[in-house]
Protein backbone atom coordinates (compact mmCIF):
# COMPACT_ATOMS: atom_id res chain seq x y z
CA MET A 1 5.35 -16.33 -4.41
CA MET A 2 5.02 -12.71 -5.52
CA ASN A 3 4.96 -9.50 -3.49
CA LEU A 4 3.01 -6.35 -4.19
CA THR A 5 4.82 -3.39 -2.65
CA VAL A 6 3.49 0.18 -2.57
CA LEU A 7 5.79 3.00 -1.49
CA TYR A 8 4.17 6.27 -0.43
CA PRO A 9 6.30 9.45 -0.67
CA GLN A 10 6.57 11.79 2.28
CA PRO A 11 3.09 13.34 2.59
CA ASN A 12 2.41 17.06 2.64
CA ASP A 13 0.51 16.61 5.93
CA VAL A 14 1.43 13.52 7.98
CA ASP A 15 -1.63 13.66 10.25
CA GLN A 16 -3.98 13.90 7.28
CA PHE A 17 -2.18 11.07 5.51
CA GLU A 18 -2.45 8.84 8.59
CA SER A 19 -6.19 9.51 8.81
CA ASP A 20 -6.66 8.90 5.08
CA TYR A 21 -4.47 5.78 5.20
CA ALA A 22 -6.58 4.26 8.01
CA ASP A 23 -9.65 4.76 5.80
CA HIS A 24 -7.72 3.37 2.82
CA ILE A 25 -6.93 0.15 4.71
CA LYS A 26 -10.62 -0.17 5.66
CA LEU A 27 -11.45 0.23 1.95
CA LEU A 28 -8.90 -2.48 1.07
CA HIS A 29 -10.60 -4.89 3.47
CA GLU A 30 -14.07 -3.96 2.25
CA LYS A 31 -13.32 -4.17 -1.49
CA THR A 32 -11.24 -7.35 -1.36
CA GLY A 33 -13.30 -9.25 1.20
CA LEU A 34 -10.48 -9.45 3.74
CA PRO A 35 -11.81 -9.96 7.26
CA ASN A 36 -11.22 -6.91 9.45
CA ASP A 37 -9.06 -8.93 11.85
CA ALA A 38 -6.85 -10.36 9.06
CA LYS A 39 -3.60 -8.66 8.09
CA PRO A 40 -2.04 -10.61 5.21
CA TYR A 41 0.19 -7.61 4.58
CA ALA A 42 2.93 -5.67 6.32
CA VAL A 43 3.14 -1.91 6.76
CA THR A 44 6.42 -0.12 7.50
CA ARG A 45 6.71 3.56 8.40
CA PHE A 46 10.18 4.87 7.66
CA LEU A 47 12.04 7.03 10.17
CA SER A 48 14.55 9.78 9.65
CA GLY A 49 18.14 8.59 9.66
CA PRO A 50 21.59 10.17 9.60
CA GLU A 51 20.82 11.70 6.20
CA GLY A 52 17.42 13.10 7.19
CA LYS A 53 13.98 12.09 6.02
CA PRO A 54 13.87 9.20 3.57
CA PRO A 55 12.09 9.80 0.25
CA TYR A 56 9.31 7.43 1.28
CA TYR A 57 7.10 7.63 4.36
CA LEU A 58 5.31 4.28 4.27
CA MET A 59 5.64 0.88 2.59
CA PHE A 60 2.78 -1.57 2.16
CA CYS A 61 3.76 -5.12 1.20
CA MET A 62 1.34 -7.96 0.46
CA PRO A 63 2.35 -11.46 -0.63
CA PHE A 64 0.50 -13.54 -3.22
CA ASP A 65 0.90 -17.25 -3.91
CA SER A 66 1.67 -16.73 -7.60
CA GLY A 67 1.89 -14.20 -10.39
CA GLU A 68 -1.53 -15.36 -11.55
CA ALA A 69 -3.04 -14.70 -8.11
CA LEU A 70 -1.44 -11.25 -8.02
CA ASN A 71 -2.68 -10.44 -11.52
CA ALA A 72 -6.20 -11.61 -10.68
CA ALA A 73 -6.24 -9.43 -7.57
CA MET A 74 -4.80 -6.38 -9.34
CA THR A 75 -7.32 -6.54 -12.18
CA SER A 76 -10.36 -7.03 -9.94
CA PRO A 77 -12.82 -4.12 -9.72
CA GLY A 78 -12.32 -3.93 -5.94
CA MET A 79 -8.55 -3.62 -6.19
CA GLN A 80 -8.91 -1.04 -8.96
CA THR A 81 -10.95 1.07 -6.54
CA VAL A 82 -8.29 0.62 -3.85
CA ALA A 83 -5.52 1.58 -6.33
CA ALA A 84 -7.35 4.77 -7.30
CA ASP A 85 -7.73 5.64 -3.62
CA ALA A 86 -3.99 5.09 -3.07
CA GLY A 87 -3.33 7.82 -5.60
CA ARG A 88 -5.82 10.11 -3.89
CA ILE A 89 -4.26 9.83 -0.43
CA SER A 90 -0.65 10.14 -1.61
CA THR A 91 -0.26 13.91 -1.41
CA GLY A 92 3.54 13.90 -1.65
CA GLY A 93 3.46 12.47 -5.17
CA ALA A 94 2.23 9.32 -6.85
CA PRO A 95 2.81 6.10 -4.91
CA MET A 96 5.35 3.73 -6.43
CA VAL A 97 4.02 0.24 -7.11
CA LEU A 98 6.57 -2.57 -7.29
CA ILE A 99 6.10 -6.26 -8.03
CA GLY A 100 8.79 -8.58 -6.76
CA GLN A 101 9.65 -12.21 -6.27
CA PRO A 102 11.25 -13.00 -2.91
CA ASN A 103 14.10 -15.48 -2.82
């Protein structure tokens, strides 16, 4: 099992980011062939805490069965389009992409 995690920094305009992110998720479904009613991923929006706003606004996490499956997905033309769009919508700085292996 491998996880793809994308962390989006605090956006310059939250409302615009939310609108763009909704379109980005539609693009993910379209380009990867995911059915619109399927959500094989988790999305977390971070809240302010005792120390103020966290450095990241949103986290997208999607599991894959193996490193090979993750690599195949990441190198597909559809996912390359989605990755480019992630950079476009992330107005607070480049999104951070992390690959991890859950225990």
